[in-house]
Amino acid sequence: MKTVSIILPCYNEETVLPYYFEAVDKVLPTIEGFSFDFILVNDGSKDKTLETMEKLYQERNDINIVNLSRNFGQNPALTAGLASSKSDYVIMMDADLQDPITMISKICDKFAQGYDVVNPHRASRKTDTRFKRNSAAFFYRFTNSLEGKEVLPSNVNCFRGLSRRAVDRIMALPEKDRLLVNEIPLVGFKTCQIDFEREKRRAGKSKYNVKKMVNYAFDIISSGTTKPLYLPIKAGAILTAFFSFAFVMLLLFYFLGHFQVLTFDIQPLVLFLILAGIFLGVSILLFFIGILALYLHNVVINTRDRPTYCIDYIFRKEDKEK
C-alpha cells in the first residue's frame, strides 16, 4: 500500500483545523490503495493553533507536527513539510477548506495512473473580486509571455500532489528562497492537471493582502525568468532612436523657423520637451534600477546561505509508538 503525507501549513488556523479533520475523516476511508498521515506545520501562529495541533496529535495516530521557531511564510513552511516527509507521495494543501477535501481522492487516482505531479487547476475564479480575477489573469499572461512559453501554469498555486522522486528533486535544488510554484514546473516529470472549484473559507480569514500579493508576484517573476533583465537594453535602444529622431526634427524646425516657415515660437516647446524628457528618463532609470534590485535580492538571499526556516521541534507519529 502506497503512503501519502498531506502537508498543511498553518498560520493562525485554530478555528479551522477541527473543521478540516471533520471533513477529511469522511473522505479518506473511501480511498483504496493508499494510507495517509498529516504533517501540520505551525508557521509561528499567534493564536492557539499549536495547542490545537498538539491536541490532535494526542487524539490521533496519523499526525506529525513541525513547529517553526517563528513566522517564515507559506513557502518556507511547505518546504519544512516536504523536508519532513518520508512517504511515497505528498499532497500540499491549505487547511481552510478552500482546497476541496474531495480533491484528495482525484489526486490519488492520478498517482495510481503513474503521474508524478498533479496540478489542481482553478476552473473558475467567480468567488474572487473583479480586480483579483483581472489582475491574476494579467499576471499569468504577462509572466508566461516574458519567457515565450508556459513556465507558470495558470490558476495553479501551491495546492499540488507530488511523487517521492519529484519531492526529492525539488529538495535537491540549491535555492534558499524557495518558490514552489516555479520549482515544481522546473523539475518536470509526468504531469497532469485536474479542474476544481475553490470553496469559500470555512473559518478565519485570508492572510494575503494586496501588498503581500504584489510582493509575491514580483518574487515569482524575478525567480522564474531572467527576461526582465533584457528590458534596459531594449528600452535604451528604442529611446535612443526616438530621442535622436526628435532632436533632429527639433533642429530642423528651429532652423526653418528662422526662415518663417513656422509661425509660432519654438523655444517653449523645446523647453517643455527637454523637461519632459528629463522626468521620463529619471522614471525609466528608477524602474530599471528596481528590476536590477529584484534580481540582486535573489542573489543576496541565495548566496549568504542562511536557512529558509528554523524548526523549534518536531512531533512524529512514530514517537507515540515507542
Protein backbone atom coordinates (compact mmCIF):
# COMPACT_ATOMS: atom_id res chain seq x y z
CA MET A 1 0.00 0.00 0.00
CA LYS A 2 1.38 3.41 -1.01
CA THR A 3 1.71 6.12 1.62
CA VAL A 4 0.62 9.73 1.27
CA SER A 5 1.52 12.65 3.53
CA ILE A 6 -0.83 15.63 3.49
CA ILE A 7 1.11 18.79 4.32
CA LEU A 8 -0.86 21.60 5.93
CA PRO A 9 0.98 24.91 6.50
CA CYS A 10 -0.86 26.76 9.25
CA TYR A 11 -0.73 30.35 10.44
CA ASN A 12 -3.45 31.32 12.92
CA GLU A 13 -5.78 28.47 11.93
CA GLU A 14 -7.04 27.35 15.34
CA THR A 15 -10.69 27.78 14.36
CA VAL A 16 -10.49 25.91 11.06
CA LEU A 17 -8.36 22.84 11.93
CA PRO A 18 -11.20 20.93 13.66
CA TYR A 19 -13.45 21.53 10.63
CA TYR A 20 -10.71 20.26 8.33
CA PHE A 21 -10.28 16.95 10.12
CA GLU A 22 -14.01 16.51 10.49
CA ALA A 23 -14.28 16.78 6.69
CA VAL A 24 -11.19 14.76 5.79
CA ASP A 25 -12.19 11.82 8.01
CA LYS A 26 -15.27 11.35 5.82
CA VAL A 27 -13.22 11.13 2.61
CA LEU A 28 -10.01 9.22 3.36
CA PRO A 29 -11.67 5.88 4.28
CA THR A 30 -13.22 5.76 0.80
CA ILE A 31 -9.79 5.93 -0.95
CA GLU A 32 -8.39 2.47 -1.64
CA GLY A 33 -4.74 1.57 -2.09
CA PHE A 34 -3.30 4.44 -0.05
CA SER A 35 -2.63 5.11 3.62
CA PHE A 36 -2.46 8.66 4.91
CA ASP A 37 -0.79 10.76 7.52
CA PHE A 38 -0.64 14.51 8.12
CA ILE A 39 2.26 16.91 8.53
CA LEU A 40 0.98 20.02 10.33
CA VAL A 41 3.44 22.89 10.06
CA ASN A 42 2.90 25.66 12.58
CA ASP A 43 4.28 28.79 10.93
CA GLY A 44 4.70 30.92 14.03
CA SER A 45 0.99 31.25 14.77
CA LYS A 46 -0.01 33.86 17.34
CA ASP A 47 -3.27 32.20 18.37
CA LYS A 48 -3.87 28.68 19.75
CA THR A 49 -3.06 26.86 16.53
CA LEU A 50 -0.16 24.97 18.12
CA GLU A 51 -2.28 23.89 21.09
CA THR A 52 -4.94 22.66 18.66
CA MET A 53 -2.29 20.70 16.75
CA GLU A 54 -0.96 19.13 19.92
CA LYS A 55 -4.47 18.12 20.96
CA LEU A 56 -4.99 16.45 17.58
CA TYR A 57 -1.60 14.76 17.98
CA GLN A 58 -2.71 13.24 21.29
CA GLU A 59 -6.09 12.15 19.94
CA ARG A 60 -4.96 10.65 16.62
CA ASN A 61 -2.23 8.31 15.37
CA ASP A 62 -1.69 9.93 11.97
CA ILE A 63 -0.41 13.39 12.99
CA ASN A 64 3.11 14.82 12.69
CA ILE A 65 3.82 18.35 13.94
CA VAL A 66 6.60 20.61 12.67
CA ASN A 67 6.75 23.71 14.85
CA LEU A 68 8.77 26.55 13.31
CA SER A 69 10.60 28.95 15.61
CA ARG A 70 8.72 31.96 14.15
CA ASN A 71 6.63 33.01 11.16
CA PHE A 72 8.58 32.40 7.93
CA GLY A 73 5.80 32.38 5.31
CA GLN A 74 3.91 29.81 3.27
CA ASN A 75 6.72 28.58 1.01
CA PRO A 76 9.25 28.02 3.84
CA ALA A 77 6.53 26.25 5.84
CA LEU A 78 5.74 23.98 2.88
CA THR A 79 9.46 23.36 2.40
CA ALA A 80 9.76 22.31 6.05
CA GLY A 81 6.86 19.92 5.50
CA LEU A 82 8.43 18.45 2.36
CA ALA A 83 11.77 18.00 4.16
CA SER A 84 9.98 16.14 6.97
CA SER A 85 8.02 13.81 4.70
CA LYS A 86 9.08 10.22 4.09
CA SER A 87 6.04 8.90 2.23
CA ASP A 88 5.66 7.75 -1.37
CA TYR A 89 3.56 10.81 -2.23
CA VAL A 90 2.71 14.18 -0.72
CA ILE A 91 -0.27 16.49 -1.13
CA MET A 92 0.20 20.14 -0.21
CA MET A 93 -2.99 21.99 0.59
CA ASP A 94 -4.47 24.71 2.80
CA ALA A 95 -6.31 23.84 5.99
CA ASP A 96 -9.06 26.43 5.41
CA LEU A 97 -11.13 24.02 3.25
CA GLN A 98 -10.88 26.29 0.20
CA ASP A 99 -8.92 23.44 -1.36
CA PRO A 100 -11.75 20.84 -1.52
CA ILE A 101 -11.17 17.69 0.52
CA THR A 102 -12.73 15.62 -2.27
CA MET A 103 -9.77 16.52 -4.48
CA ILE A 104 -7.57 14.20 -2.41
CA SER A 105 -9.32 11.21 -3.98
CA LYS A 106 -8.86 12.58 -7.51
CA ILE A 107 -5.20 13.33 -6.88
CA CYS A 108 -4.64 9.78 -5.62
CA ASP A 109 -6.32 8.43 -8.76
CA LYS A 110 -3.69 10.28 -10.79
CA PHE A 111 -0.93 8.91 -8.58
CA ALA A 112 -2.24 5.41 -9.29
CA GLN A 113 -2.05 6.18 -13.02
CA GLY A 114 1.66 6.96 -12.71
CA TYR A 115 1.71 10.74 -12.53
CA ASP A 116 4.47 12.40 -10.52
CA VAL A 117 2.99 15.90 -10.44
CA VAL A 118 -0.74 16.61 -10.14
CA ASN A 119 -1.79 20.23 -10.60
CA PRO A 120 -5.27 21.12 -9.30
CA HIS A 121 -6.40 23.97 -11.55
CA ARG A 122 -8.96 26.59 -10.56
CA ALA A 123 -11.50 26.31 -13.36
CA SER A 124 -13.26 29.46 -12.21
CA ARG A 125 -12.43 32.49 -10.08
CA LYS A 126 -16.03 33.68 -9.76
CA THR A 127 -15.72 33.88 -5.97
CA ASP A 128 -12.93 36.46 -6.34
CA THR A 129 -13.44 40.18 -6.84
CA ARG A 130 -13.27 41.53 -10.39
CA PHE A 131 -9.96 43.22 -9.57
CA LYS A 132 -8.42 39.96 -8.33
CA ARG A 133 -9.71 38.00 -11.34
CA ASN A 134 -8.37 40.53 -13.85
CA SER A 135 -5.06 41.05 -12.08
CA ALA A 136 -4.50 37.28 -11.79
CA ALA A 137 -5.28 36.73 -15.48
CA PHE A 138 -2.89 39.55 -16.45
CA PHE A 139 -0.17 38.20 -14.16
CA TYR A 140 -0.19 34.70 -15.65
CA ARG A 141 -0.28 36.01 -19.24
CA PHE A 142 2.49 38.51 -18.55
CA THR A 143 4.77 36.03 -16.77
CA ASN A 144 4.44 33.36 -19.46
CA SER A 145 4.79 35.87 -22.30
CA LEU A 146 8.11 37.03 -20.86
CA GLU A 147 9.54 33.56 -21.34
CA GLY A 148 7.64 32.84 -24.56
CA LYS A 149 6.23 29.59 -23.14
CA GLU A 150 4.17 28.38 -20.19
CA VAL A 151 6.54 28.36 -17.23
CA LEU A 152 3.77 29.10 -14.74
CA PRO A 153 0.51 27.12 -15.14
CA SER A 154 -2.45 29.49 -14.98
CA ASN A 155 -4.53 29.43 -11.80
CA VAL A 156 -2.38 26.72 -10.22
CA ASN A 157 -0.76 27.55 -6.90
CA CYS A 158 0.74 25.54 -4.04
CA PHE A 159 -2.13 23.04 -3.90
CA ARG A 160 -0.27 20.12 -5.55
CA GLY A 161 0.28 16.40 -5.50
CA LEU A 162 3.89 15.18 -5.81
CA SER A 163 5.59 11.80 -6.01
CA ARG A 164 8.62 10.96 -3.92
CA ARG A 165 11.05 11.40 -6.79
CA ALA A 166 9.54 14.83 -7.61
CA VAL A 167 9.89 15.87 -3.95
CA ASP A 168 13.50 14.64 -3.80
CA ARG A 169 14.37 16.52 -6.99
CA ILE A 170 12.79 19.74 -5.74
CA MET A 171 14.56 19.49 -2.38
CA ALA A 172 17.87 18.95 -4.22
CA LEU A 173 17.58 22.36 -5.91
CA PRO A 174 20.13 24.77 -4.40
CA GLU A 175 17.81 27.78 -3.93
CA LYS A 176 17.43 29.13 -0.41
CA ASP A 177 14.47 31.39 -1.16
CA ARG A 178 12.10 28.71 -2.41
CA LEU A 179 9.07 29.46 -4.57
CA LEU A 180 7.42 26.13 -5.23
CA VAL A 181 5.14 27.46 -7.98
CA ASN A 182 8.32 27.98 -10.04
CA GLU A 183 10.28 24.94 -8.90
CA ILE A 184 7.60 22.30 -9.45
CA PRO A 185 7.23 23.00 -13.22
CA LEU A 186 11.02 23.27 -13.46
CA VAL A 187 11.73 19.68 -12.38
CA GLY A 188 9.24 18.28 -14.90
CA PHE A 189 8.31 14.57 -14.70
CA LYS A 190 4.94 13.18 -15.74
CA THR A 191 2.42 15.92 -15.04
CA CYS A 192 -1.35 16.29 -15.29
CA GLN A 193 -3.95 18.91 -14.45
CA ILE A 194 -7.39 18.48 -12.89
CA ASP A 195 -10.01 21.21 -12.57
CA PHE A 196 -11.74 22.21 -9.37
CA GLU A 197 -13.89 24.98 -7.94
CA ARG A 198 -12.40 26.70 -4.92
CA GLU A 199 -14.65 26.80 -1.89
CA LYS A 200 -15.26 29.66 0.49
CA ARG A 201 -13.10 29.77 3.60
CA ARG A 202 -14.85 27.80 6.39
CA ALA A 203 -13.47 29.92 9.23
CA GLY A 204 -10.79 32.50 9.97
CA LYS A 205 -9.60 35.00 7.38
CA SER A 206 -7.15 35.14 4.49
CA LYS A 207 -3.55 36.10 5.33
CA TYR A 208 -2.88 37.58 1.88
CA ASN A 209 -3.48 41.31 1.45
CA VAL A 210 -2.75 43.38 -1.67
CA LYS A 211 0.77 44.24 -0.52
CA LYS A 212 1.68 40.58 0.05
CA MET A 213 0.20 39.56 -3.29
CA VAL A 214 2.19 42.24 -5.15
CA ASN A 215 5.42 41.22 -3.41
CA TYR A 216 4.66 37.57 -4.16
CA ALA A 217 4.11 38.39 -7.84
CA PHE A 218 7.45 40.21 -8.03
CA ASP A 219 9.21 37.27 -6.35
CA ILE A 220 7.68 34.79 -8.80
CA ILE A 221 8.72 36.85 -11.83
CA SER A 222 12.26 37.52 -10.63
CA SER A 223 12.89 33.89 -9.65
CA GLY A 224 11.10 32.37 -12.64
CA THR A 225 12.60 34.23 -15.60
CA THR A 226 15.59 36.45 -16.40
CA LYS A 227 13.92 38.13 -19.35
CA PRO A 228 13.22 41.43 -17.49
CA LEU A 229 16.98 41.94 -17.27
CA TYR A 230 16.98 42.49 -21.05
CA LEU A 231 14.44 45.31 -20.80
CA PRO A 232 17.01 48.09 -20.13
CA ILE A 233 18.91 47.18 -23.29
CA LYS A 234 15.80 47.07 -25.44
CA ALA A 235 14.32 50.21 -23.94
CA GLY A 236 17.64 52.02 -24.24
CA ALA A 237 17.85 51.23 -27.94
CA ILE A 238 14.26 52.35 -28.57
CA LEU A 239 14.59 55.56 -26.56
CA THR A 240 17.92 56.41 -28.16
CA ALA A 241 16.39 56.08 -31.62
CA PHE A 242 13.31 58.11 -30.60
CA PHE A 243 15.17 60.99 -28.98
CA SER A 244 17.73 61.10 -31.79
CA PHE A 245 14.89 61.47 -34.28
CA ALA A 246 13.17 64.10 -32.07
CA PHE A 247 16.42 66.05 -31.72
CA VAL A 248 16.99 66.10 -35.46
CA MET A 249 13.40 67.22 -36.06
CA LEU A 250 13.67 69.99 -33.48
CA LEU A 251 16.85 71.27 -35.08
CA LEU A 252 15.17 71.22 -38.44
CA PHE A 253 12.11 73.09 -37.15
CA TYR A 254 14.35 75.59 -35.37
CA PHE A 255 16.28 76.49 -38.49
CA LEU A 256 13.16 76.52 -40.59
CA GLY A 257 11.64 78.89 -38.06
CA HIS A 258 14.28 81.44 -38.92
CA PHE A 259 13.01 81.29 -42.48
CA GLN A 260 9.47 81.97 -41.19
CA VAL A 261 8.16 78.54 -42.17
CA LEU A 262 6.87 78.17 -38.58
CA THR A 263 4.57 80.87 -37.28
CA PHE A 264 4.97 80.11 -33.54
CA ASP A 265 7.79 80.40 -31.04
CA ILE A 266 9.58 77.07 -30.88
CA GLN A 267 11.50 77.81 -27.65
CA PRO A 268 8.68 76.96 -25.15
CA LEU A 269 8.10 73.70 -26.99
CA VAL A 270 11.80 72.89 -26.83
CA LEU A 271 11.87 73.67 -23.10
CA PHE A 272 8.80 71.51 -22.46
CA LEU A 273 10.24 68.58 -24.37
CA ILE A 274 13.54 68.86 -22.53
CA LEU A 275 11.83 68.84 -19.12
CA ALA A 276 9.51 66.03 -20.12
CA GLY A 277 12.49 64.05 -21.39
CA ILE A 278 14.33 64.56 -18.07
CA PHE A 279 11.36 63.37 -15.98
CA LEU A 280 10.73 60.44 -18.32
CA GLY A 281 14.39 59.48 -18.23
CA VAL A 282 14.53 59.58 -14.44
CA SER A 283 11.34 57.49 -14.16
CA ILE A 284 12.64 54.88 -16.60
CA LEU A 285 16.00 54.81 -14.80
CA LEU A 286 14.32 54.21 -11.43
CA PHE A 287 12.17 51.46 -12.97
CA PHE A 288 15.20 49.64 -14.35
CA ILE A 289 17.12 50.07 -11.10
CA GLY A 290 14.12 48.45 -9.41
CA ILE A 291 14.33 45.47 -11.79
CA LEU A 292 18.02 45.03 -11.04
CA ALA A 293 17.28 45.31 -7.30
CA LEU A 294 14.79 42.41 -7.53
CA TYR A 295 17.41 40.13 -9.03
CA LEU A 296 20.10 41.41 -6.68
CA HIS A 297 17.78 40.47 -3.81
CA ASN A 298 17.65 36.90 -5.14
CA VAL A 299 21.44 36.81 -5.43
CA VAL A 300 21.88 38.01 -1.84
CA ILE A 301 19.31 35.58 -0.41
CA ASN A 302 20.74 32.57 -2.23
CA THR A 303 24.44 33.29 -1.63
CA ARG A 304 24.51 34.26 2.04
CA ASP A 305 23.47 30.67 2.84
CA ARG A 306 21.05 31.38 5.66
CA PRO A 307 18.40 28.74 6.40
CA THR A 308 14.97 29.17 4.81
CA TYR A 309 13.32 28.25 8.11
CA CYS A 310 14.23 27.21 11.64
CA ILE A 311 12.47 24.34 13.41
CA ASP A 312 11.70 24.59 17.09
CA TYR A 313 10.70 20.95 17.47
CA ILE A 314 9.06 18.04 15.65
CA PHE A 315 6.49 15.57 16.96
CA ARG A 316 6.34 12.45 14.80
CA LYS A 317 3.60 9.87 14.96
CA GLU A 318 6.28 7.19 15.46
CA ASP A 319 7.30 8.84 18.73
CA LYS A 320 3.96 7.84 20.28
CA GLU A 321 4.56 4.21 19.43
CA LYS A 322 7.86 3.99 21.30
